[in-house]
C-alpha atoms as a PDB file:
ATOM      1  CA  MET A   1      34.290 -52.604  94.404  1.00  0.00           C
ATOM      2  CA  GLY A   2      37.458 -50.487  94.821  1.00  0.00           C
ATOM      3  CA  HIS A   3      37.428 -46.920  96.064  1.00  0.00           C
ATOM      4  CA  VAL A   4      37.176 -44.154  93.482  1.00  0.00           C
ATOM      5  CA  THR A   5      39.561 -41.245  94.024  1.00  0.00           C
ATOM      6  CA  PRO A   6      37.958 -38.280  95.838  1.00  0.00           C
ATOM      7  CA  VAL A   7      37.391 -35.137  93.785  1.00  0.00           C
ATOM      8  CA  ALA A   8      39.176 -32.001  94.945  1.00  0.00           C
ATOM      9  CA  GLY A   9      36.820 -29.276  96.118  1.00  0.00           C
ATOM     10  CA  VAL A  10      33.622 -31.338  96.431  1.00  0.00           C
ATOM     11  CA  GLN A  11      32.987 -33.791  99.249  1.00  0.00           C
ATOM     12  CA  VAL A  12      30.664 -36.781  98.926  1.00  0.00           C
ATOM     13  CA  ALA A  13      28.790 -37.761 102.074  1.00  0.00           C
ATOM     14  CA  LEU A  14      26.412 -40.530 103.069  1.00  0.00           C
ATOM     15  CA  SER A  15      23.069 -39.665 104.642  1.00  0.00           C
ATOM     16  CA  THR A  16      22.382 -41.762 107.716  1.00  0.00           C
ATOM     17  CA  ALA A  17      18.890 -42.240 106.236  1.00  0.00           C
ATOM     18  CA  SER A  18      20.445 -44.243 103.394  1.00  0.00           C
ATOM     19  CA  VAL A  19      21.212 -47.250 105.591  1.00  0.00           C
ATOM     20  CA  PHE A  20      17.699 -47.672 107.061  1.00  0.00           C
ATOM     21  CA  PRO A  21      16.592 -50.082 108.531  1.00  0.00           C
ATOM     22  CA  GLU A  22      20.138 -50.242 109.844  1.00  0.00           C
ATOM     23  CA  ARG A  23      20.990 -47.653 112.483  1.00  0.00           C
ATOM     24  CA  THR A  24      22.810 -44.341 112.731  1.00  0.00           C
ATOM     25  CA  PRO A  25      26.017 -45.977 114.074  1.00  0.00           C
ATOM     26  CA  ASP A  26      25.965 -48.359 111.102  1.00  0.00           C
ATOM     27  CA  ALA A  27      25.984 -45.378 108.734  1.00  0.00           C
ATOM     28  CA  PHE A  28      29.284 -44.158 110.196  1.00  0.00           C
ATOM     29  CA  GLU A  29      30.831 -47.616 109.868  1.00  0.00           C
ATOM     30  CA  ILE A  30      29.592 -48.060 106.293  1.00  0.00           C
ATOM     31  CA  ALA A  31      30.734 -44.562 105.279  1.00  0.00           C
ATOM     32  CA  ALA A  32      34.204 -45.306 106.669  1.00  0.00           C
ATOM     33  CA  SER A  33      34.515 -48.720 105.047  1.00  0.00           C
ATOM     34  CA  LEU A  34      33.404 -47.476 101.614  1.00  0.00           C
ATOM     35  CA  GLY A  35      35.503 -44.296 101.633  1.00  0.00           C
ATOM     36  CA  TYR A  36      32.845 -41.588 101.845  1.00  0.00           C
ATOM     37  CA  ASP A  37      34.170 -38.165 102.845  1.00  0.00           C
ATOM     38  CA  GLY A  38      31.666 -37.850 105.697  1.00  0.00           C
ATOM     39  CA  VAL A  39      28.052 -38.239 106.733  1.00  0.00           C
ATOM     40  CA  GLU A  40      24.920 -36.148 106.876  1.00  0.00           C
ATOM     41  CA  VAL A  41      22.983 -36.920 110.053  1.00  0.00           C
ATOM     42  CA  MET A  42      19.240 -37.178 109.516  1.00  0.00           C
ATOM     43  CA  VAL A  43      17.759 -36.239 112.892  1.00  0.00           C
ATOM     44  CA  THR A  44      14.963 -38.704 113.589  1.00  0.00           C
ATOM     45  CA  MET A  45      13.286 -40.362 116.556  1.00  0.00           C
ATOM     46  CA  ASP A  46      16.458 -42.434 116.969  1.00  0.00           C
ATOM     47  CA  PRO A  47      18.070 -40.996 120.156  1.00  0.00           C
ATOM     48  CA  VAL A  48      21.563 -41.475 118.703  1.00  0.00           C
ATOM     49  CA  SER A  49      20.765 -39.102 115.817  1.00  0.00           C
ATOM     50  CA  GLN A  50      19.784 -36.409 118.345  1.00  0.00           C
ATOM     51  CA  ASP A  51      22.788 -36.628 120.664  1.00  0.00           C
ATOM     52  CA  PRO A  52      25.865 -34.593 119.629  1.00  0.00           C
ATOM     53  CA  ASP A  53      28.095 -36.304 122.202  1.00  0.00           C
ATOM     54  CA  ILE A  54      27.363 -39.782 120.852  1.00  0.00           C
ATOM     55  CA  LEU A  55      27.672 -38.518 117.276  1.00  0.00           C
ATOM     56  CA  ARG A  56      31.048 -36.988 118.116  1.00  0.00           C
ATOM     57  CA  ARG A  57      32.274 -40.307 119.533  1.00  0.00           C
ATOM     58  CA  LEU A  58      31.079 -42.159 116.435  1.00  0.00           C
ATOM     59  CA  SER A  59      32.750 -39.592 114.186  1.00  0.00           C
ATOM     60  CA  ASP A  60      36.048 -39.798 116.073  1.00  0.00           C
ATOM     61  CA  TYR A  61      36.037 -43.592 116.306  1.00  0.00           C
ATOM     62  CA  HIS A  62      35.406 -44.146 112.588  1.00  0.00           C
ATOM     63  CA  GLY A  63      37.353 -41.112 111.367  1.00  0.00           C
ATOM     64  CA  VAL A  64      34.283 -39.867 109.500  1.00  0.00           C
ATOM     65  CA  PRO A  65      33.318 -36.200 109.922  1.00  0.00           C
ATOM     66  CA  VAL A  66      29.737 -34.985 110.178  1.00  0.00           C
ATOM     67  CA  LEU A  67      29.433 -32.597 107.232  1.00  0.00           C
ATOM     68  CA  ALA A  68      25.736 -31.713 107.537  1.00  0.00           C
ATOM     69  CA  VAL A  69      22.764 -32.058 109.854  1.00  0.00           C
ATOM     70  CA  HIS A  70      19.251 -32.562 108.494  1.00  0.00           C
ATOM     71  CA  ALA A  71      16.860 -30.833 110.881  1.00  0.00           C
ATOM     72  CA  PRO A  72      13.773 -32.836 111.997  1.00  0.00           C
ATOM     73  CA  CYS A  73      11.301 -31.277 109.545  1.00  0.00           C
ATOM     74  CA  LEU A  74       9.351 -34.361 108.460  1.00  0.00           C
ATOM     75  CA  LEU A  75       5.801 -35.065 109.545  1.00  0.00           C
ATOM     76  CA  ILE A  76       7.024 -38.097 111.478  1.00  0.00           C
ATOM     77  CA  THR A  77       9.606 -35.991 113.348  1.00  0.00           C
ATOM     78  CA  GLN A  78       7.344 -33.099 114.293  1.00  0.00           C
ATOM     79  CA  ARG A  79       7.858 -33.772 118.011  1.00  0.00           C
ATOM     80  CA  VAL A  80      11.610 -34.299 117.883  1.00  0.00           C
ATOM     81  CA  TRP A  81      13.359 -31.432 119.718  1.00  0.00           C
ATOM     82  CA  GLY A  82       9.989 -29.900 120.559  1.00  0.00           C
ATOM     83  CA  ARG A  83       7.219 -28.562 118.351  1.00  0.00           C
ATOM     84  CA  GLU A  84       8.473 -24.978 117.912  1.00  0.00           C
ATOM     85  CA  PRO A  85      10.086 -24.801 114.424  1.00  0.00           C
ATOM     86  CA  TRP A  86      12.583 -22.023 115.158  1.00  0.00           C
ATOM     87  CA  GLY A  87      13.668 -23.914 118.271  1.00  0.00           C
ATOM     88  CA  LYS A  88      14.344 -26.977 116.114  1.00  0.00           C
ATOM     89  CA  LEU A  89      16.550 -24.956 113.776  1.00  0.00           C
ATOM     90  CA  ASP A  90      18.394 -23.393 116.676  1.00  0.00           C
ATOM     91  CA  ARG A  91      19.040 -26.843 118.130  1.00  0.00           C
ATOM     92  CA  ALA A  92      20.191 -28.133 114.729  1.00  0.00           C
ATOM     93  CA  ARG A  93      22.592 -25.195 114.469  1.00  0.00           C
ATOM     94  CA  GLU A  94      24.013 -25.955 117.926  1.00  0.00           C
ATOM     95  CA  VAL A  95      24.563 -29.602 117.000  1.00  0.00           C
ATOM     96  CA  ALA A  96      26.153 -28.640 113.672  1.00  0.00           C
ATOM     97  CA  GLU A  97      28.518 -26.214 115.378  1.00  0.00           C
ATOM     98  CA  LYS A  98      29.525 -28.792 118.007  1.00  0.00           C
ATOM     99  CA  LEU A  99      30.266 -31.368 115.319  1.00  0.00           C
ATOM    100  CA  GLY A 100      31.943 -29.009 112.837  1.00  0.00           C
ATOM    101  CA  ALA A 101      29.225 -29.440 110.215  1.00  0.00           C
ATOM    102  CA  THR A 102      28.804 -26.556 107.779  1.00  0.00           C
ATOM    103  CA  VAL A 103      25.199 -27.099 106.645  1.00  0.00           C
ATOM    104  CA  VAL A 104      21.797 -27.566 108.262  1.00  0.00           C
ATOM    105  CA  VAL A 105      19.234 -28.889 105.783  1.00  0.00           C
ATOM    106  CA  VAL A 106      15.756 -27.482 106.382  1.00  0.00           C
ATOM    107  CA  HIS A 107      12.397 -27.988 104.640  1.00  0.00           C
ATOM    108  CA  PRO A 108       9.985 -25.185 103.737  1.00  0.00           C
ATOM    109  CA  PRO A 109       7.279 -24.752 106.386  1.00  0.00           C
ATOM    110  CA  PHE A 110       4.003 -26.608 106.208  1.00  0.00           C
ATOM    111  CA  ARG A 111       1.202 -24.203 105.288  1.00  0.00           C
ATOM    112  CA  TRP A 112      -0.450 -24.623 108.695  1.00  0.00           C
ATOM    113  CA  GLN A 113       2.713 -23.276 110.363  1.00  0.00           C
ATOM    114  CA  ARG A 114       1.502 -19.782 109.510  1.00  0.00           C
ATOM    115  CA  GLU A 115       3.695 -17.614 111.708  1.00  0.00           C
ATOM    116  CA  TYR A 116       6.793 -19.659 110.884  1.00  0.00           C
ATOM    117  CA  ALA A 117       5.996 -19.500 107.168  1.00  0.00           C
ATOM    118  CA  ARG A 118       5.366 -15.756 107.267  1.00  0.00           C
ATOM    119  CA  ASP A 119       8.815 -15.043 108.756  1.00  0.00           C
ATOM    120  CA  PHE A 120      10.658 -17.956 107.125  1.00  0.00           C
ATOM    121  CA  ALA A 121      12.876 -16.193 104.573  1.00  0.00           C
ATOM    122  CA  ALA A 122      13.688 -13.226 106.798  1.00  0.00           C
ATOM    123  CA  GLY A 123      14.268 -15.489 109.799  1.00  0.00           C
ATOM    124  CA  LEU A 124      16.718 -17.705 107.926  1.00  0.00           C
ATOM    125  CA  THR A 125      18.607 -14.640 106.763  1.00  0.00           C
ATOM    126  CA  ARG A 126      18.872 -13.398 110.350  1.00  0.00           C
ATOM    127  CA  MET A 127      20.041 -16.780 111.623  1.00  0.00           C
ATOM    128  CA  SER A 128      22.593 -17.071 108.815  1.00  0.00           C
ATOM    129  CA  GLU A 129      24.130 -13.764 109.868  1.00  0.00           C
ATOM    130  CA  GLU A 130      24.718 -15.128 113.378  1.00  0.00           C
ATOM    131  CA  THR A 131      26.652 -18.279 112.434  1.00  0.00           C
ATOM    132  CA  ASP A 132      28.926 -19.768 109.798  1.00  0.00           C
ATOM    133  CA  VAL A 133      26.499 -22.691 109.436  1.00  0.00           C
ATOM    134  CA  LYS A 134      24.439 -22.476 106.242  1.00  0.00           C
ATOM    135  CA  PHE A 135      20.694 -23.163 106.512  1.00  0.00           C
ATOM    136  CA  ALA A 136      20.063 -24.771 103.112  1.00  0.00           C
ATOM    137  CA  VAL A 137      16.364 -24.957 102.180  1.00  0.00           C
ATOM    138  CA  GLU A 138      15.518 -28.173 100.337  1.00  0.00           C
ATOM    139  CA  ASN A 139      13.206 -28.315  97.330  1.00  0.00           C
ATOM    140  CA  LEU A 140      10.124 -30.445  97.914  1.00  0.00           C
ATOM    141  CA  TYR A 141       7.122 -30.918  95.609  1.00  0.00           C
ATOM    142  CA  PRO A 142       3.432 -30.088  95.246  1.00  0.00           C
ATOM    143  CA  LEU A 143       0.932 -32.638  96.470  1.00  0.00           C
ATOM    144  CA  ARG A 144      -1.938 -33.671  94.220  1.00  0.00           C
ATOM    145  CA  ALA A 145      -5.375 -34.998  95.113  1.00  0.00           C
ATOM    146  CA  ARG A 146      -7.912 -36.032  92.466  1.00  0.00           C
ATOM    147  CA  GLY A 147      -5.876 -34.270  89.810  1.00  0.00           C
ATOM    148  CA  ALA A 148      -5.716 -30.955  91.665  1.00  0.00           C
ATOM    149  CA  GLU A 149      -2.580 -29.495  93.229  1.00  0.00           C
ATOM    150  CA  VAL A 150      -2.742 -29.161  97.014  1.00  0.00           C
ATOM    151  CA  THR A 151      -0.710 -26.425  98.694  1.00  0.00           C
ATOM    152  CA  ALA A 152       1.143 -28.176 101.508  1.00  0.00           C
ATOM    153  CA  TYR A 153       4.077 -25.812 101.925  1.00  0.00           C
ATOM    154  CA  ALA A 154       4.444 -22.067 102.395  1.00  0.00           C
ATOM    155  CA  PRO A 155       5.719 -19.744 101.160  1.00  0.00           C
ATOM    156  CA  HIS A 156       6.491 -22.339  98.448  1.00  0.00           C
ATOM    157  CA  TRP A 157       7.704 -25.915  97.977  1.00  0.00           C
ATOM    158  CA  ASN A 158      10.381 -24.649  95.571  1.00  0.00           C
ATOM    159  CA  PRO A 159      13.208 -22.604  97.164  1.00  0.00           C
ATOM    160  CA  VAL A 160      13.845 -20.966  93.777  1.00  0.00           C
ATOM    161  CA  GLU A 161      10.741 -18.960  94.706  1.00  0.00           C
ATOM    162  CA  ILE A 162      11.915 -18.219  98.275  1.00  0.00           C
ATOM    163  CA  ASP A 163      14.290 -15.394  99.151  1.00  0.00           C
ATOM    164  CA  CYS A 164      16.604 -17.570 101.252  1.00  0.00           C
ATOM    165  CA  PRO A 165      20.420 -17.385 101.218  1.00  0.00           C
ATOM    166  CA  HIS A 166      21.208 -21.091 100.675  1.00  0.00           C
ATOM    167  CA  VAL A 167      19.543 -24.077  99.009  1.00  0.00           C
ATOM    168  CA  THR A 168      19.751 -27.878  98.898  1.00  0.00           C
ATOM    169  CA  LEU A 169      18.837 -29.402  95.532  1.00  0.00           C
ATOM    170  CA  ASP A 170      17.301 -32.885  95.857  1.00  0.00           C
ATOM    171  CA  LEU A 171      17.052 -34.877  92.622  1.00  0.00           C
ATOM    172  CA  SER A 172      14.473 -37.352  93.866  1.00  0.00           C
ATOM    173  CA  HIS A 173      12.244 -34.405  94.708  1.00  0.00           C
ATOM    174  CA  THR A 174      12.718 -32.873  91.251  1.00  0.00           C
ATOM    175  CA  ALA A 175      11.440 -36.178  89.858  1.00  0.00           C
ATOM    176  CA  VAL A 176       8.309 -36.011  92.020  1.00  0.00           C
ATOM    177  CA  SER A 177       7.618 -32.362  91.133  1.00  0.00           C
ATOM    178  CA  GLY A 178       8.426 -32.809  87.440  1.00  0.00           C
ATOM    179  CA  SER A 179      11.003 -30.022  87.698  1.00  0.00           C
ATOM    180  CA  ASP A 180      14.026 -29.435  85.476  1.00  0.00           C
ATOM    181  CA  ALA A 181      16.920 -29.988  87.897  1.00  0.00           C
ATOM    182  CA  LEU A 182      19.501 -28.338  85.633  1.00  0.00           C
ATOM    183  CA  ALA A 183      17.318 -25.261  85.131  1.00  0.00           C
ATOM    184  CA  MET A 184      16.818 -25.046  88.884  1.00  0.00           C
ATOM    185  CA  ALA A 185      20.576 -25.176  89.422  1.00  0.00           C
ATOM    186  CA  ASP A 186      20.998 -22.395  86.855  1.00  0.00           C
ATOM    187  CA  GLU A 187      18.399 -20.222  88.584  1.00  0.00           C
ATOM    188  CA  LEU A 188      19.845 -20.825  92.019  1.00  0.00           C
ATOM    189  CA  GLY A 189      23.375 -19.840  91.030  1.00  0.00           C
ATOM    190  CA  SER A 190      25.577 -19.309  94.092  1.00  0.00           C
ATOM    191  CA  ARG A 191      22.658 -20.082  96.430  1.00  0.00           C
ATOM    192  CA  LEU A 192      23.125 -23.774  95.586  1.00  0.00           C
ATOM    193  CA  VAL A 193      25.423 -25.029  98.357  1.00  0.00           C
ATOM    194  CA  HIS A 194      24.264 -28.615  98.948  1.00  0.00           C
ATOM    195  CA  VAL A 195      23.019 -31.501  96.789  1.00  0.00           C
ATOM    196  CA  HIS A 196      20.983 -34.563  97.739  1.00  0.00           C
ATOM    197  CA  LEU A 197      21.907 -37.101  95.087  1.00  0.00           C
ATOM    198  CA  ALA A 198      19.207 -39.644  94.280  1.00  0.00           C
ATOM    199  CA  ASP A 199      17.051 -40.545  91.309  1.00  0.00           C
ATOM    200  CA  GLY A 200      13.421 -41.092  90.376  1.00  0.00           C
ATOM    201  CA  ILE A 201      11.299 -42.459  87.578  1.00  0.00           C
ATOM    202  CA  SER A 202       7.784 -41.109  88.001  1.00  0.00           C
ATOM    203  CA  THR A 203       6.333 -37.632  88.333  1.00  0.00           C
ATOM    204  CA  GLY A 204       4.277 -37.574  91.505  1.00  0.00           C
ATOM    205  CA  LEU A 205       4.518 -39.677  94.615  1.00  0.00           C
ATOM    206  CA  PRO A 206       6.053 -41.912  95.817  1.00  0.00           C
ATOM    207  CA  ASP A 207       9.304 -40.101  96.523  1.00  0.00           C
ATOM    208  CA  GLU A 208      11.559 -42.918  95.341  1.00  0.00           C
ATOM    209  CA  HIS A 209      15.145 -41.898  96.220  1.00  0.00           C
ATOM    210  CA  LEU A 210      16.593 -44.457  93.836  1.00  0.00           C
ATOM    211  CA  ALA A 211      20.323 -44.897  93.466  1.00  0.00           C
ATOM    212  CA  PRO A 212      21.654 -42.365  90.918  1.00  0.00           C
ATOM    213  CA  GLY A 213      21.494 -43.654  87.376  1.00  0.00           C
ATOM    214  CA  ARG A 214      18.484 -45.893  88.005  1.00  0.00           C
ATOM    215  CA  GLY A 215      15.893 -43.288  87.091  1.00  0.00           C
ATOM    216  CA  TYR A 216      15.498 -40.442  84.626  1.00  0.00           C
ATOM    217  CA  GLN A 217      16.918 -37.462  86.476  1.00  0.00           C
ATOM    218  CA  PRO A 218      20.036 -35.774  85.017  1.00  0.00           C
ATOM    219  CA  CYS A 219      22.204 -36.967  87.899  1.00  0.00           C
ATOM    220  CA  ALA A 220      25.420 -37.415  85.918  1.00  0.00           C
ATOM    221  CA  THR A 221      25.003 -34.162  84.006  1.00  0.00           C
ATOM    222  CA  LEU A 222      24.345 -32.156  87.146  1.00  0.00           C
ATOM    223  CA  LEU A 223      27.359 -33.659  88.916  1.00  0.00           C
ATOM    224  CA  ALA A 224      29.643 -32.929  85.968  1.00  0.00           C
ATOM    225  CA  SER A 225      28.399 -29.324  85.935  1.00  0.00           C
ATOM    226  CA  LEU A 226      29.079 -28.593  89.605  1.00  0.00           C
ATOM    227  CA  ARG A 227      32.759 -27.701  89.431  1.00  0.00           C
ATOM    228  CA  PRO A 228      32.277 -25.454  86.363  1.00  0.00           C
ATOM    229  CA  ARG A 229      29.493 -23.747  88.337  1.00  0.00           C
ATOM    230  CA  GLY A 230      31.958 -22.984  91.138  1.00  0.00           C
ATOM    231  CA  PHE A 231      30.162 -25.325  93.545  1.00  0.00           C
ATOM    232  CA  ALA A 232      32.278 -26.055  96.613  1.00  0.00           C
ATOM    233  CA  GLY A 233      29.674 -27.722  98.820  1.00  0.00           C
ATOM    234  CA  THR A 234      28.792 -31.317  99.605  1.00  0.00           C
ATOM    235  CA  VAL A 235      27.020 -33.962  97.544  1.00  0.00           C
ATOM    236  CA  VAL A 236      25.065 -36.292  99.819  1.00  0.00           C
ATOM    237  CA  LEU A 237      23.858 -39.742  98.782  1.00  0.00           C
ATOM    238  CA  GLU A 238      20.306 -39.844 100.145  1.00  0.00           C
ATOM    239  CA  VAL A 239      18.984 -43.079  98.670  1.00  0.00           C
ATOM    240  CA  ASN A 240      16.451 -45.696  99.681  1.00  0.00           C
ATOM    241  CA  THR A 241      18.113 -49.093 100.224  1.00  0.00           C
ATOM    242  CA  ARG A 242      15.238 -50.751 102.088  1.00  0.00           C
ATOM    243  CA  ARG A 243      14.814 -53.351  99.347  1.00  0.00           C
ATOM    244  CA  ALA A 244      18.320 -54.691  99.935  1.00  0.00           C
ATOM    245  CA  GLN A 245      18.029 -58.274 101.141  1.00  0.00           C
ATOM    246  CA  THR A 246      21.286 -58.223 103.103  1.00  0.00           C
ATOM    247  CA  SER A 247      23.727 -55.734 104.585  1.00  0.00           C
ATOM    248  CA  GLU A 248      26.226 -56.724 101.882  1.00  0.00           C
ATOM    249  CA  GLU A 249      23.706 -55.905  99.149  1.00  0.00           C
ATOM    250  CA  ARG A 250      23.080 -52.518 100.776  1.00  0.00           C
ATOM    251  CA  ARG A 251      26.820 -51.798 100.927  1.00  0.00           C
ATOM    252  CA  ASP A 252      27.235 -52.741  97.274  1.00  0.00           C
ATOM    253  CA  GLU A 253      24.503 -50.286  96.297  1.00  0.00           C
ATOM    254  CA  LEU A 254      26.048 -47.507  98.371  1.00  0.00           C
ATOM    255  CA  ALA A 255      29.513 -48.264  96.963  1.00  0.00           C
ATOM    256  CA  GLU A 256      28.092 -48.093  93.438  1.00  0.00           C
ATOM    257  CA  SER A 257      26.421 -44.759  94.246  1.00  0.00           C
ATOM    258  CA  LEU A 258      29.675 -43.319  95.597  1.00  0.00           C
ATOM    259  CA  ALA A 259      31.531 -44.419  92.470  1.00  0.00           C
ATOM    260  CA  PHE A 260      28.826 -42.834  90.285  1.00  0.00           C
ATOM    261  CA  ALA A 261      29.146 -39.544  92.151  1.00  0.00           C
ATOM    262  CA  ARG A 262      32.922 -39.308  92.080  1.00  0.00           C
ATOM    263  CA  ARG A 263      33.341 -40.358  88.462  1.00  0.00           C
ATOM    264  CA  ASN A 264      30.855 -37.771  87.254  1.00  0.00           C
ATOM    265  CA  LEU A 265      32.150 -35.030  89.542  1.00  0.00           C
ATOM    266  CA  ALA A 266      35.603 -35.636  88.054  1.00  0.00           C
ATOM    267  CA  TYR A 267      34.423 -35.453  84.448  1.00  0.00           C
ATOM    268  CA  SER A 268      35.763 -32.507  82.441  1.00  0.00           C
ATOM    269  CA  PRO A 269      34.434 -31.736  78.943  1.00  0.00           C
ATOM    270  CA  PRO A 270      37.072 -31.620  76.197  1.00  0.00           C
ATOM    271  CA  ALA A 271      38.569 -28.235  75.395  1.00  0.00           C
ATOM    272  CA  GLY A 272      36.454 -26.323  72.903  1.00  0.00           C
ATOM    273  CA  SER A 273      33.362 -28.409  73.540  1.00  0.00           C
ATOM    274  CA  PRO A 274      29.945 -26.804  74.057  1.00  0.00           C
ATOM    275  CA  ALA A 275      29.066 -25.556  77.527  1.00  0.00           C
ATOM    276  CA  ALA A 276      26.727 -28.482  78.055  1.00  0.00           C
ATOM    277  CA  VAL A 277      28.633 -31.405  79.534  1.00  0.00           C
ATOM    278  CA  ARG A 278      28.316 -34.998  78.457  1.00  0.00           C
ATOM    279  CA  PRO A 279      27.708 -37.302  81.423  1.00  0.00           C
ATOM    280  CA  VAL A 280      29.840 -40.259  82.373  1.00  0.00           C
ATOM    281  CA  THR A 281      27.547 -43.090  83.475  1.00  0.00           C
ATOM    282  CA  VAL A 282      28.304 -46.294  85.326  1.00  0.00           C
ATOM    283  CA  GLN A 283      24.972 -48.014  84.749  1.00  0.00           C
ATOM    284  CA  PRO A 284      23.131 -48.770  81.511  1.00  0.00           C
ATOM    285  CA  GLY A 285      20.419 -46.271  80.653  1.00  0.00           C
ATOM    286  CA  ALA A 286      21.492 -43.718  83.248  1.00  0.00           C
ATOM    287  CA  ASP A 287      20.943 -39.980  83.053  1.00  0.00           C
ATOM    288  CA  GLN A 288      19.389 -37.721  80.451  1.00  0.00           C
ATOM    289  CA  GLY A 289      18.361 -39.323  77.224  1.00  0.00           C
ATOM    290  CA  ALA A 290      17.040 -42.519  78.788  1.00  0.00           C
ATOM    291  CA  THR A 291      13.584 -43.367  77.540  1.00  0.00           C
ATOM    292  CA  PRO A 292      10.910 -43.070  80.259  1.00  0.00           C
ATOM    293  CA  PRO A 293       8.616 -46.059  80.789  1.00  0.00           C
ATOM    294  CA  GLY A 294       5.769 -46.185  78.319  1.00  0.00           C
ATOM    295  CA  SER A 295       7.252 -43.656  75.910  1.00  0.00           C
ATOM    296  CA  ALA A 296       9.004 -46.117  73.632  1.00  0.00           C
END
């Protein structure tokens, strides 16, 4: 698949998580070969993902900049860079600054992190005033057990409800939570500085992170609306390619996802058309208007 021309003003990056079970160095090589504008480093238990000197060498060797750092906020990374949450964010900021990244992606606190949760919004505001790096809080989702919603995050799983300066909008997570991604983008306004592009089919877990256009999230419509919104951040492909049987199959999926992103970012509605944009899709049944399973 040939490269699709980059879109002025909006960069498209590859999350290192998107190449798993391949490694962090492979993500840099794949991003370079496919023509991504950069990478977002997901900090995990992989020592390479934690080491700014190695990441700098990978970035320089492949000519692929690190555009964002995803702080180790997952349950499985609770011990990465220590257990103190503010210390993790401080370390993520240091790594981002060393690598020239402009965004640190952070999750809302778990509810049992009471002191961290209590000072979360104010603390992020303070940290944002001390650096040019943006701490962009990512939307998550409520957890449900036996039909009841379980509060796992505080002060909220939805950053629309948190008084934080910057936000990451993740479209796989909007699928899980049953949220309206376009309405969330409207409510966030200028606070929306970062997008995790993925897709999903079902409300509720699992968190699928399908390639864009393979689920029922308004991926194409959101992308086409970003430039009219004045968005000048980064769109990051954060997709699950674990089902790929070969490295070539994984690369094809990531190339297809990059093409989807750039073609829809470049779409401009005809003059005099309604404010709502019409998406450009590259896969049958993609985007809004597709019929969810079981509804036909």
